[in-house]
PDB file of N, CA and C in Angstrom:
ATOM      1  N   MET A   1     -85.137  27.036 109.133  1.00  0.00           N
ATOM      2  CA  MET A   1     -84.443  28.021 109.938  1.00  0.00           C
ATOM      3  C   MET A   1     -83.409  28.701 109.054  1.00  0.00           C
ATOM      4  N   GLY A   2     -83.398  30.024 109.102  1.00  0.00           N
ATOM      5  CA  GLY A   2     -82.464  30.795 108.293  1.00  0.00           C
ATOM      6  C   GLY A   2     -81.144  31.006 108.995  1.00  0.00           C
ATOM      7  N   ASN A   3     -80.398  31.944 108.491  1.00  0.00           N
ATOM      8  CA  ASN A   3     -79.078  32.228 109.041  1.00  0.00           C
ATOM      9  C   ASN A   3     -79.063  33.436 109.959  1.00  0.00           C
ATOM     10  N   SER A   4     -80.202  33.956 110.295  1.00  0.00           N
ATOM     11  CA  SER A   4     -80.231  35.190 111.076  1.00  0.00           C
ATOM     12  C   SER A   4     -79.859  34.952 112.539  1.00  0.00           C
ATOM     13  N   ALA A   5     -79.408  36.008 113.161  1.00  0.00           N
ATOM     14  CA  ALA A   5     -79.052  35.952 114.583  1.00  0.00           C
ATOM     15  C   ALA A   5     -80.275  35.629 115.430  1.00  0.00           C
ATOM     16  N   VAL A   6     -81.444  36.087 115.013  1.00  0.00           N
ATOM     17  CA  VAL A   6     -82.674  35.810 115.759  1.00  0.00           C
ATOM     18  C   VAL A   6     -82.976  34.312 115.747  1.00  0.00           C
ATOM     19  N   ASP A   7     -82.805  33.689 114.597  1.00  0.00           N
ATOM     20  CA  ASP A   7     -83.032  32.245 114.490  1.00  0.00           C
ATOM     21  C   ASP A   7     -82.049  31.475 115.366  1.00  0.00           C
ATOM     22  N   LEU A   8     -80.799  31.897 115.349  1.00  0.00           N
ATOM     23  CA  LEU A   8     -79.790  31.244 116.159  1.00  0.00           C
ATOM     24  C   LEU A   8     -80.106  31.403 117.645  1.00  0.00           C
ATOM     25  N   GLN A   9     -80.496  32.594 118.034  1.00  0.00           N
ATOM     26  CA  GLN A   9     -80.838  32.828 119.436  1.00  0.00           C
ATOM     27  C   GLN A   9     -82.048  31.987 119.850  1.00  0.00           C
ATOM     28  N   ALA A  10     -83.028  31.861 118.987  1.00  0.00           N
ATOM     29  CA  ALA A  10     -84.198  31.037 119.288  1.00  0.00           C
ATOM     30  C   ALA A  10     -83.800  29.574 119.452  1.00  0.00           C
ATOM     31  N   LEU A  11     -82.909  29.112 118.594  1.00  0.00           N
ATOM     32  CA  LEU A  11     -82.430  27.728 118.693  1.00  0.00           C
ATOM     33  C   LEU A  11     -81.665  27.503 119.992  1.00  0.00           C
ATOM     34  N   LEU A  12     -80.803  28.438 120.350  1.00  0.00           N
ATOM     35  CA  LEU A  12     -80.044  28.317 121.592  1.00  0.00           C
ATOM     36  C   LEU A  12     -80.962  28.361 122.814  1.00  0.00           C
ATOM     37  N   LYS A  13     -81.984  29.196 122.759  1.00  0.00           N
ATOM     38  CA  LYS A  13     -82.949  29.276 123.864  1.00  0.00           C
ATOM     39  C   LYS A  13     -83.693  27.953 124.004  1.00  0.00           C
ATOM     40  N   GLN A  14     -84.094  27.375 122.891  1.00  0.00           N
ATOM     41  CA  GLN A  14     -84.784  26.089 122.919  1.00  0.00           C
ATOM     42  C   GLN A  14     -83.865  25.007 123.480  1.00  0.00           C
ATOM     43  N   LEU A  15     -82.615  25.036 123.095  1.00  0.00           N
ATOM     44  CA  LEU A  15     -81.636  24.076 123.603  1.00  0.00           C
ATOM     45  C   LEU A  15     -81.463  24.241 125.111  1.00  0.00           C
ATOM     46  N   GLN A  16     -81.321  25.476 125.558  1.00  0.00           N
ATOM     47  CA  GLN A  16     -81.157  25.733 126.986  1.00  0.00           C
ATOM     48  C   GLN A  16     -82.390  25.263 127.766  1.00  0.00           C
ATOM     49  N   ASP A  17     -83.565  25.548 127.265  1.00  0.00           N
ATOM     50  CA  ASP A  17     -84.803  25.127 127.934  1.00  0.00           C
ATOM     51  C   ASP A  17     -84.905  23.606 128.005  1.00  0.00           C
ATOM     52  N   SER A  18     -84.548  22.947 126.918  1.00  0.00           N
ATOM     53  CA  SER A  18     -84.587  21.486 126.880  1.00  0.00           C
ATOM     54  C   SER A  18     -83.611  20.884 127.887  1.00  0.00           C
ATOM     55  N   PHE A  19     -82.394  21.412 127.927  1.00  0.00           N
ATOM     56  CA  PHE A  19     -81.415  20.921 128.898  1.00  0.00           C
ATOM     57  C   PHE A  19     -81.892  21.183 130.323  1.00  0.00           C
ATOM     58  N   HIS A  20     -82.508  22.324 130.550  1.00  0.00           N
ATOM     59  CA  HIS A  20     -83.001  22.646 131.889  1.00  0.00           C
ATOM     60  C   HIS A  20     -84.055  21.620 132.335  1.00  0.00           C
ATOM     61  N   LYS A  21     -85.013  21.348 131.459  1.00  0.00           N
ATOM     62  CA  LYS A  21     -86.060  20.366 131.782  1.00  0.00           C
ATOM     63  C   LYS A  21     -85.460  18.985 132.002  1.00  0.00           C
ATOM     64  N   ASP A  22     -84.539  18.589 131.132  1.00  0.00           N
ATOM     65  CA  ASP A  22     -83.908  17.274 131.281  1.00  0.00           C
ATOM     66  C   ASP A  22     -83.095  17.187 132.571  1.00  0.00           C
ATOM     67  N   ARG A  23     -82.444  18.284 132.940  1.00  0.00           N
ATOM     68  CA  ARG A  23     -81.661  18.291 134.182  1.00  0.00           C
ATOM     69  C   ARG A  23     -82.572  18.144 135.391  1.00  0.00           C
ATOM     70  N   LEU A  24     -83.694  18.857 135.386  1.00  0.00           N
ATOM     71  CA  LEU A  24     -84.636  18.744 136.501  1.00  0.00           C
ATOM     72  C   LEU A  24     -85.192  17.330 136.613  1.00  0.00           C
ATOM     73  N   THR A  25     -85.489  16.726 135.482  1.00  0.00           N
ATOM     74  CA  THR A  25     -85.970  15.341 135.480  1.00  0.00           C
ATOM     75  C   THR A  25     -84.907  14.414 136.048  1.00  0.00           C
ATOM     76  N   LEU A  26     -83.674  14.589 135.611  1.00  0.00           N
ATOM     77  CA  LEU A  26     -82.577  13.751 136.094  1.00  0.00           C
ATOM     78  C   LEU A  26     -82.374  13.932 137.597  1.00  0.00           C
ATOM     79  N   GLU A  27     -82.401  15.165 138.064  1.00  0.00           N
ATOM     80  CA  GLU A  27     -82.197  15.444 139.484  1.00  0.00           C
ATOM     81  C   GLU A  27     -83.277  14.806 140.358  1.00  0.00           C
ATOM     82  N   ALA A  28     -84.480  14.676 139.822  1.00  0.00           N
ATOM     83  CA  ALA A  28     -85.598  14.134 140.596  1.00  0.00           C
ATOM     84  C   ALA A  28     -85.546  12.615 140.746  1.00  0.00           C
ATOM     85  N   LEU A  29     -84.715  11.958 139.978  1.00  0.00           N
ATOM     86  CA  LEU A  29     -84.643  10.494 140.024  1.00  0.00           C
ATOM     87  C   LEU A  29     -83.829  10.020 141.225  1.00  0.00           C
ATOM     88  N   GLU A  30     -84.283   8.952 141.838  1.00  0.00           N
ATOM     89  CA  GLU A  30     -83.637   8.365 143.014  1.00  0.00           C
ATOM     90  C   GLU A  30     -82.794   7.169 142.575  1.00  0.00           C
ATOM     91  N   PRO A  31     -81.466   7.292 142.672  1.00  0.00           N
ATOM     92  CA  PRO A  31     -80.586   6.206 142.203  1.00  0.00           C
ATOM     93  C   PRO A  31     -80.884   4.848 142.845  1.00  0.00           C
ATOM     94  N   ARG A  32     -81.301   4.855 144.088  1.00  0.00           N
ATOM     95  CA  ARG A  32     -81.585   3.601 144.785  1.00  0.00           C
ATOM     96  C   ARG A  32     -82.770   2.852 144.182  1.00  0.00           C
ATOM     97  N   LEU A  33     -83.714   3.617 143.644  1.00  0.00           N
ATOM     98  CA  LEU A  33     -84.973   3.027 143.184  1.00  0.00           C
ATOM     99  C   LEU A  33     -85.203   3.132 141.676  1.00  0.00           C
ATOM    100  N   GLN A  34     -84.481   4.006 141.007  1.00  0.00           N
ATOM    101  CA  GLN A  34     -84.797   4.303 139.608  1.00  0.00           C
ATOM    102  C   GLN A  34     -83.577   4.234 138.691  1.00  0.00           C
ATOM    103  N   ALA A  35     -82.779   3.201 138.843  1.00  0.00           N
ATOM    104  CA  ALA A  35     -81.571   3.074 138.026  1.00  0.00           C
ATOM    105  C   ALA A  35     -81.904   3.007 136.532  1.00  0.00           C
ATOM    106  N   ASN A  36     -82.968   2.310 136.181  1.00  0.00           N
ATOM    107  CA  ASN A  36     -83.325   2.194 134.766  1.00  0.00           C
ATOM    108  C   ASN A  36     -83.734   3.549 134.193  1.00  0.00           C
ATOM    109  N   GLN A  37     -84.495   4.327 134.968  1.00  0.00           N
ATOM    110  CA  GLN A  37     -84.888   5.648 134.515  1.00  0.00           C
ATOM    111  C   GLN A  37     -83.675   6.583 134.411  1.00  0.00           C
ATOM    112  N   LEU A  38     -82.720   6.412 135.337  1.00  0.00           N
ATOM    113  CA  LEU A  38     -81.471   7.189 135.242  1.00  0.00           C
ATOM    114  C   LEU A  38     -80.767   6.901 133.926  1.00  0.00           C
ATOM    115  N   LYS A  39     -80.681   5.626 133.604  1.00  0.00           N
ATOM    116  CA  LYS A  39     -80.020   5.218 132.358  1.00  0.00           C
ATOM    117  C   LYS A  39     -80.744   5.802 131.145  1.00  0.00           C
ATOM    118  N   GLU A  40     -82.072   5.731 131.139  1.00  0.00           N
ATOM    119  CA  GLU A  40     -82.848   6.259 130.015  1.00  0.00           C
ATOM    120  C   GLU A  40     -82.679   7.773 129.884  1.00  0.00           C
ATOM    121  N   GLN A  41     -82.684   8.473 131.019  1.00  0.00           N
ATOM    122  CA  GLN A  41     -82.525   9.928 130.972  1.00  0.00           C
ATOM    123  C   GLN A  41     -81.114  10.299 130.512  1.00  0.00           C
ATOM    124  N   ALA A  42     -80.121   9.578 130.991  1.00  0.00           N
ATOM    125  CA  ALA A  42     -78.745   9.833 130.563  1.00  0.00           C
ATOM    126  C   ALA A  42     -78.623   9.626 129.048  1.00  0.00           C
ATOM    127  N   HIS A  43     -79.276   8.600 128.539  1.00  0.00           N
ATOM    128  CA  HIS A  43     -79.218   8.326 127.102  1.00  0.00           C
ATOM    129  C   HIS A  43     -79.888   9.451 126.310  1.00  0.00           C
ATOM    130  N   ARG A  44     -80.997   9.942 126.817  1.00  0.00           N
ATOM    131  CA  ARG A  44     -81.704  11.046 126.151  1.00  0.00           C
ATOM    132  C   ARG A  44     -80.804  12.289 126.101  1.00  0.00           C
ATOM    133  N   ILE A  45     -80.197  12.605 127.221  1.00  0.00           N
ATOM    134  CA  ILE A  45     -79.321  13.771 127.306  1.00  0.00           C
ATOM    135  C   ILE A  45     -78.097  13.581 126.423  1.00  0.00           C
ATOM    136  N   LEU A  46     -77.577  12.370 126.387  1.00  0.00           N
ATOM    137  CA  LEU A  46     -76.395  12.051 125.591  1.00  0.00           C
ATOM    138  C   LEU A  46     -76.613  12.360 124.113  1.00  0.00           C
ATOM    139  N   GLY A  47     -77.787  12.037 123.608  1.00  0.00           N
ATOM    140  CA  GLY A  47     -78.074  12.311 122.198  1.00  0.00           C
ATOM    141  C   GLY A  47     -77.935  13.784 121.861  1.00  0.00           C
ATOM    142  N   ALA A  48     -78.523  14.632 122.690  1.00  0.00           N
ATOM    143  CA  ALA A  48     -78.434  16.083 122.459  1.00  0.00           C
ATOM    144  C   ALA A  48     -77.006  16.578 122.652  1.00  0.00           C
ATOM    145  N   ALA A  49     -76.319  16.026 123.643  1.00  0.00           N
ATOM    146  CA  ALA A  49     -74.932  16.437 123.905  1.00  0.00           C
ATOM    147  C   ALA A  49     -74.029  16.114 122.711  1.00  0.00           C
ATOM    148  N   ARG A  50     -74.274  14.988 122.086  1.00  0.00           N
ATOM    149  CA  ARG A  50     -73.475  14.605 120.911  1.00  0.00           C
ATOM    150  C   ARG A  50     -73.711  15.552 119.746  1.00  0.00           C
ATOM    151  N   ILE A  51     -74.952  15.968 119.571  1.00  0.00           N
ATOM    152  CA  ILE A  51     -75.277  16.870 118.466  1.00  0.00           C
ATOM    153  C   ILE A  51     -74.489  18.171 118.583  1.00  0.00           C
ATOM    154  N   ILE A  52     -74.368  18.689 119.790  1.00  0.00           N
ATOM    155  CA  ILE A  52     -73.663  19.969 119.975  1.00  0.00           C
ATOM    156  C   ILE A  52     -72.212  19.776 120.408  1.00  0.00           C
ATOM    157  N   GLN A  53     -71.768  18.535 120.444  1.00  0.00           N
ATOM    158  CA  GLN A  53     -70.382  18.187 120.775  1.00  0.00           C
ATOM    159  C   GLN A  53     -69.957  18.734 122.137  1.00  0.00           C
ATOM    160  N   ALA A  54     -70.830  18.529 123.138  1.00  0.00           N
ATOM    161  CA  ALA A  54     -70.546  18.948 124.514  1.00  0.00           C
ATOM    162  C   ALA A  54     -69.797  17.796 125.199  1.00  0.00           C
ATOM    163  N   ASN A  55     -68.481  17.791 125.029  1.00  0.00           N
ATOM    164  CA  ASN A  55     -67.673  16.637 125.437  1.00  0.00           C
ATOM    165  C   ASN A  55     -67.750  16.297 126.919  1.00  0.00           C
ATOM    166  N   ARG A  56     -67.740  17.307 127.775  1.00  0.00           N
ATOM    167  CA  ARG A  56     -67.837  17.028 129.221  1.00  0.00           C
ATOM    168  C   ARG A  56     -69.159  16.328 129.542  1.00  0.00           C
ATOM    169  N   LEU A  57     -70.234  16.798 128.941  1.00  0.00           N
ATOM    170  CA  LEU A  57     -71.547  16.206 129.164  1.00  0.00           C
ATOM    171  C   LEU A  57     -71.626  14.813 128.541  1.00  0.00           C
ATOM    172  N   ILE A  58     -71.044  14.638 127.375  1.00  0.00           N
ATOM    173  CA  ILE A  58     -71.011  13.314 126.739  1.00  0.00           C
ATOM    174  C   ILE A  58     -70.330  12.318 127.661  1.00  0.00           C
ATOM    175  N   ASP A  59     -69.162  12.677 128.167  1.00  0.00           N
ATOM    176  CA  ASP A  59     -68.420  11.780 129.061  1.00  0.00           C
ATOM    177  C   ASP A  59     -69.223  11.447 130.315  1.00  0.00           C
ATOM    178  N   ALA A  60     -69.852  12.452 130.907  1.00  0.00           N
ATOM    179  CA  ALA A  60     -70.629  12.235 132.131  1.00  0.00           C
ATOM    180  C   ALA A  60     -71.823  11.318 131.870  1.00  0.00           C
ATOM    181  N   CYS A  61     -72.508  11.521 130.761  1.00  0.00           N
ATOM    182  CA  CYS A  61     -73.655  10.671 130.418  1.00  0.00           C
ATOM    183  C   CYS A  61     -73.212   9.229 130.163  1.00  0.00           C
ATOM    184  N   GLU A  62     -72.108   9.075 129.453  1.00  0.00           N
ATOM    185  CA  GLU A  62     -71.606   7.723 129.182  1.00  0.00           C
ATOM    186  C   GLU A  62     -71.219   7.014 130.477  1.00  0.00           C
ATOM    187  N   GLN A  63     -70.629   7.744 131.412  1.00  0.00           N
ATOM    188  CA  GLN A  63     -70.262   7.155 132.704  1.00  0.00           C
ATOM    189  C   GLN A  63     -71.516   6.736 133.476  1.00  0.00           C
ATOM    190  N   LEU A  64     -72.539   7.562 133.469  1.00  0.00           N
ATOM    191  CA  LEU A  64     -73.780   7.222 134.168  1.00  0.00           C
ATOM    192  C   LEU A  64     -74.454   6.025 133.518  1.00  0.00           C
ATOM    193  N   GLU A  65     -74.530   6.015 132.202  1.00  0.00           N
ATOM    194  CA  GLU A  65     -75.116   4.863 131.502  1.00  0.00           C
ATOM    195  C   GLU A  65     -74.362   3.582 131.842  1.00  0.00           C
ATOM    196  N   SER A  66     -73.052   3.652 131.814  1.00  0.00           N
ATOM    197  CA  SER A  66     -72.218   2.492 132.116  1.00  0.00           C
ATOM    198  C   SER A  66     -72.441   2.008 133.544  1.00  0.00           C
ATOM    199  N   ALA A  67     -72.505   2.931 134.477  1.00  0.00           N
ATOM    200  CA  ALA A  67     -72.736   2.561 135.879  1.00  0.00           C
ATOM    201  C   ALA A  67     -74.093   1.902 136.045  1.00  0.00           C
ATOM    202  N   CYS A  68     -75.091   2.400 135.355  1.00  0.00           N
ATOM    203  CA  CYS A  68     -76.431   1.793 135.428  1.00  0.00           C
ATOM    204  C   CYS A  68     -76.427   0.391 134.821  1.00  0.00           C
ATOM    205  N   GLN A  69     -75.762   0.237 133.682  1.00  0.00           N
ATOM    206  CA  GLN A  69     -75.711  -1.058 133.009  1.00  0.00           C
ATOM    207  C   GLN A  69     -74.972  -2.109 133.828  1.00  0.00           C
ATOM    208  N   SER A  70     -73.986  -1.675 134.589  1.00  0.00           N
ATOM    209  CA  SER A  70     -73.191  -2.633 135.365  1.00  0.00           C
ATOM    210  C   SER A  70     -73.735  -2.838 136.775  1.00  0.00           C
ATOM    211  N   ASN A  71     -74.958  -2.334 137.021  1.00  0.00           N
ATOM    212  CA  ASN A  71     -75.588  -2.468 138.339  1.00  0.00           C
ATOM    213  C   ASN A  71     -74.696  -1.958 139.461  1.00  0.00           C
ATOM    214  N   ALA A  72     -74.098  -0.806 139.242  1.00  0.00           N
ATOM    215  CA  ALA A  72     -73.250  -0.182 140.256  1.00  0.00           C
ATOM    216  C   ALA A  72     -74.092   0.148 141.492  1.00  0.00           C
ATOM    217  N   PRO A  73     -73.443   0.254 142.646  1.00  0.00           N
ATOM    218  CA  PRO A  73     -74.189   0.577 143.861  1.00  0.00           C
ATOM    219  C   PRO A  73     -74.823   1.969 143.764  1.00  0.00           C
ATOM    220  N   PRO A  74     -75.910   2.190 144.499  1.00  0.00           N
ATOM    221  CA  PRO A  74     -76.601   3.483 144.449  1.00  0.00           C
ATOM    222  C   PRO A  74     -75.690   4.679 144.722  1.00  0.00           C
ATOM    223  N   SER A  75     -74.697   4.502 145.578  1.00  0.00           N
ATOM    224  CA  SER A  75     -73.795   5.617 145.859  1.00  0.00           C
ATOM    225  C   SER A  75     -72.996   6.013 144.612  1.00  0.00           C
ATOM    226  N   THR A  76     -72.607   5.035 143.819  1.00  0.00           N
ATOM    227  CA  THR A  76     -71.898   5.308 142.563  1.00  0.00           C
ATOM    228  C   THR A  76     -72.836   5.965 141.554  1.00  0.00           C
ATOM    229  N   LEU A  77     -74.058   5.454 141.478  1.00  0.00           N
ATOM    230  CA  LEU A  77     -75.041   6.049 140.566  1.00  0.00           C
ATOM    231  C   LEU A  77     -75.303   7.504 140.944  1.00  0.00           C
ATOM    232  N   ALA A  78     -75.414   7.768 142.238  1.00  0.00           N
ATOM    233  CA  ALA A  78     -75.663   9.139 142.689  1.00  0.00           C
ATOM    234  C   ALA A  78     -74.504  10.054 142.316  1.00  0.00           C
ATOM    235  N   LEU A  79     -73.286   9.554 142.469  1.00  0.00           N
ATOM    236  CA  LEU A  79     -72.112  10.350 142.103  1.00  0.00           C
ATOM    237  C   LEU A  79     -72.105  10.647 140.605  1.00  0.00           C
ATOM    238  N   GLU A  80     -72.357   9.635 139.799  1.00  0.00           N
ATOM    239  CA  GLU A  80     -72.392   9.824 138.344  1.00  0.00           C
ATOM    240  C   GLU A  80     -73.547  10.736 137.932  1.00  0.00           C
ATOM    241  N   GLN A  81     -74.669  10.608 138.616  1.00  0.00           N
ATOM    242  CA  GLN A  81     -75.819  11.474 138.369  1.00  0.00           C
ATOM    243  C   GLN A  81     -75.427  12.933 138.619  1.00  0.00           C
ATOM    244  N   GLN A  82     -74.729  13.174 139.707  1.00  0.00           N
ATOM    245  CA  GLN A  82     -74.319  14.538 140.034  1.00  0.00           C
ATOM    246  C   GLN A  82     -73.307  15.089 139.027  1.00  0.00           C
ATOM    247  N   GLN A  83     -72.490  14.209 138.460  1.00  0.00           N
ATOM    248  CA  GLN A  83     -71.546  14.658 137.427  1.00  0.00           C
ATOM    249  C   GLN A  83     -72.297  15.133 136.180  1.00  0.00           C
ATOM    250  N   VAL A  84     -73.360  14.416 135.817  1.00  0.00           N
ATOM    251  CA  VAL A  84     -74.169  14.832 134.669  1.00  0.00           C
ATOM    252  C   VAL A  84     -74.858  16.155 134.980  1.00  0.00           C
ATOM    253  N   VAL A  85     -75.427  16.263 136.170  1.00  0.00           N
ATOM    254  CA  VAL A  85     -76.102  17.497 136.570  1.00  0.00           C
ATOM    255  C   VAL A  85     -75.127  18.677 136.521  1.00  0.00           C
ATOM    256  N   ALA A  86     -73.925  18.479 137.035  1.00  0.00           N
ATOM    257  CA  ALA A  86     -72.924  19.556 137.030  1.00  0.00           C
ATOM    258  C   ALA A  86     -72.562  19.962 135.600  1.00  0.00           C
ATOM    259  N   ALA A  87     -72.387  18.991 134.730  1.00  0.00           N
ATOM    260  CA  ALA A  87     -72.051  19.294 133.329  1.00  0.00           C
ATOM    261  C   ALA A  87     -73.204  20.024 132.638  1.00  0.00           C
ATOM    262  N   MET A  88     -74.433  19.624 132.948  1.00  0.00           N
ATOM    263  CA  MET A  88     -75.591  20.283 132.347  1.00  0.00           C
ATOM    264  C   MET A  88     -75.725  21.710 132.858  1.00  0.00           C
ATOM    265  N   THR A  89     -75.507  21.909 134.140  1.00  0.00           N
ATOM    266  CA  THR A  89     -75.587  23.239 134.729  1.00  0.00           C
ATOM    267  C   THR A  89     -74.554  24.158 134.085  1.00  0.00           C
ATOM    268  N   ALA A  90     -73.339  23.653 133.916  1.00  0.00           N
ATOM    269  CA  ALA A  90     -72.278  24.433 133.274  1.00  0.00           C
ATOM    270  C   ALA A  90     -72.657  24.781 131.833  1.00  0.00           C
ATOM    271  N   LEU A  91     -73.250  23.844 131.135  1.00  0.00           N
ATOM    272  CA  LEU A  91     -73.656  24.092 129.751  1.00  0.00           C
ATOM    273  C   LEU A  91     -74.774  25.133 129.686  1.00  0.00           C
ATOM    274  N   GLU A  92     -75.757  25.004 130.570  1.00  0.00           N
ATOM    275  CA  GLU A  92     -76.833  25.994 130.617  1.00  0.00           C
ATOM    276  C   GLU A  92     -76.261  27.389 130.867  1.00  0.00           C
ATOM    277  N   GLN A  93     -75.324  27.486 131.806  1.00  0.00           N
ATOM    278  CA  GLN A  93     -74.713  28.771 132.124  1.00  0.00           C
ATOM    279  C   GLN A  93     -73.884  29.296 130.956  1.00  0.00           C
ATOM    280  N   ALA A  94     -73.232  28.396 130.240  1.00  0.00           N
ATOM    281  CA  ALA A  94     -72.431  28.818 129.085  1.00  0.00           C
ATOM    282  C   ALA A  94     -73.312  29.366 127.963  1.00  0.00           C
ATOM    283  N   LEU A  95     -74.531  28.900 127.866  1.00  0.00           N
ATOM    284  CA  LEU A  95     -75.448  29.386 126.834  1.00  0.00           C
ATOM    285  C   LEU A  95     -76.021  30.763 127.171  1.00  0.00           C
ATOM    286  N   THR A  96     -76.123  31.074 128.443  1.00  0.00           N
ATOM    287  CA  THR A  96     -76.785  32.301 128.892  1.00  0.00           C
ATOM    288  C   THR A  96     -76.245  33.577 128.243  1.00  0.00           C
ATOM    289  N   PRO A  97     -74.919  33.781 128.161  1.00  0.00           N
ATOM    290  CA  PRO A  97     -74.437  35.032 127.542  1.00  0.00           C
ATOM    291  C   PRO A  97     -74.883  35.202 126.087  1.00  0.00           C
ATOM    292  N   TYR A  98     -75.087  34.103 125.407  1.00  0.00           N
ATOM    293  CA  TYR A  98     -75.506  34.172 124.006  1.00  0.00           C
ATOM    294  C   TYR A  98     -76.986  34.499 123.875  1.00  0.00           C
ATOM    295  N   LEU A  99     -77.696  34.415 124.984  1.00  0.00           N
ATOM    296  CA  LEU A  99     -79.129  34.682 124.963  1.00  0.00           C
ATOM    297  C   LEU A  99     -79.459  36.050 125.520  1.00  0.00           C
ATOM    298  N   GLY A 100     -78.459  36.739 126.062  1.00  0.00           N
ATOM    299  CA  GLY A 100     -78.669  38.074 126.589  1.00  0.00           C
ATOM    300  C   GLY A 100     -79.614  38.119 127.762  1.00  0.00           C
ATOM    301  N   GLN A 101     -79.515  37.096 128.634  1.00  0.00           N
ATOM    302  CA  GLN A 101     -80.391  37.052 129.807  1.00  0.00           C
ATOM    303  C   GLN A 101     -79.638  36.495 130.989  1.00  0.00           C
ATOM    304  N   ASP A 102     -80.190  36.735 132.155  1.00  0.00           N
ATOM    305  CA  ASP A 102     -79.666  36.167 133.397  1.00  0.00           C
ATOM    306  C   ASP A 102     -80.497  34.935 133.696  1.00  0.00           C
ATOM    307  N   SER A 103     -79.902  33.755 133.625  1.00  0.00           N
ATOM    308  CA  SER A 103     -80.657  32.508 133.756  1.00  0.00           C
ATOM    309  C   SER A 103     -81.323  32.363 135.111  1.00  0.00           C
ATOM    310  N   ASP A 104     -80.773  32.960 136.161  1.00  0.00           N
ATOM    311  CA  ASP A 104     -81.367  32.817 137.480  1.00  0.00           C
ATOM    312  C   ASP A 104     -82.585  33.717 137.662  1.00  0.00           C
ATOM    313  N   SER A 105     -82.613  34.848 136.958  1.00  0.00           N
ATOM    314  CA  SER A 105     -83.728  35.763 137.169  1.00  0.00           C
ATOM    315  C   SER A 105     -84.811  35.595 136.114  1.00  0.00           C
ATOM    316  N   SER A 106     -84.525  35.932 134.873  1.00  0.00           N
ATOM    317  CA  SER A 106     -85.575  35.920 133.878  1.00  0.00           C
ATOM    318  C   SER A 106     -86.014  34.518 133.493  1.00  0.00           C
ATOM    319  N   ALA A 107     -85.087  33.603 133.270  1.00  0.00           N
ATOM    320  CA  ALA A 107     -85.471  32.237 132.883  1.00  0.00           C
ATOM    321  C   ALA A 107     -86.128  31.530 134.049  1.00  0.00           C
ATOM    322  N   GLY A 108     -85.586  31.724 135.227  1.00  0.00           N
ATOM    323  CA  GLY A 108     -86.160  31.082 136.405  1.00  0.00           C
ATOM    324  C   GLY A 108     -87.560  31.596 136.694  1.00  0.00           C
ATOM    325  N   ALA A 109     -87.759  32.893 136.529  1.00  0.00           N
ATOM    326  CA  ALA A 109     -89.065  33.478 136.786  1.00  0.00           C
ATOM    327  C   ALA A 109     -90.103  32.965 135.805  1.00  0.00           C
ATOM    328  N   GLN A 110     -89.684  32.708 134.572  1.00  0.00           N
ATOM    329  CA  GLN A 110     -90.629  32.205 133.576  1.00  0.00           C
ATOM    330  C   GLN A 110     -91.072  30.786 133.879  1.00  0.00           C
ATOM    331  N   ARG A 111     -90.263  30.033 134.583  1.00  0.00           N
ATOM    332  CA  ARG A 111     -90.571  28.620 134.838  1.00  0.00           C
ATOM    333  C   ARG A 111     -91.316  28.411 136.151  1.00  0.00           C
ATOM    334  N   ARG A 112     -91.429  29.442 136.942  1.00  0.00           N
ATOM    335  CA  ARG A 112     -92.084  29.279 138.266  1.00  0.00           C
ATOM    336  C   ARG A 112     -93.571  29.311 138.167  1.00  0.00           C
TER     337      ARG A 112
END
């Protein structure tokens, strides 16, 4: 990958798409029945969050992982899950201006 703006935009688009897919996967998990999968998904997201130093997302993922490891009640897992989802949504939205697109219209239409 070179230093061009096109390369950077492609990388940011790939990052946004990856976070979007990971967020949808996380949202689909049921805390009551899938605590282990929640933990695994949080760990996957955490790795990418660390690479880009997304501190809010890092904190949310660590909290969810910790809650899963400590066998927290499903209501706590659901709350922590929603914190990760909120942080991911904010990150996706923060990337949108750099991509020159409206995430709700063009990106959403491409995924339907």
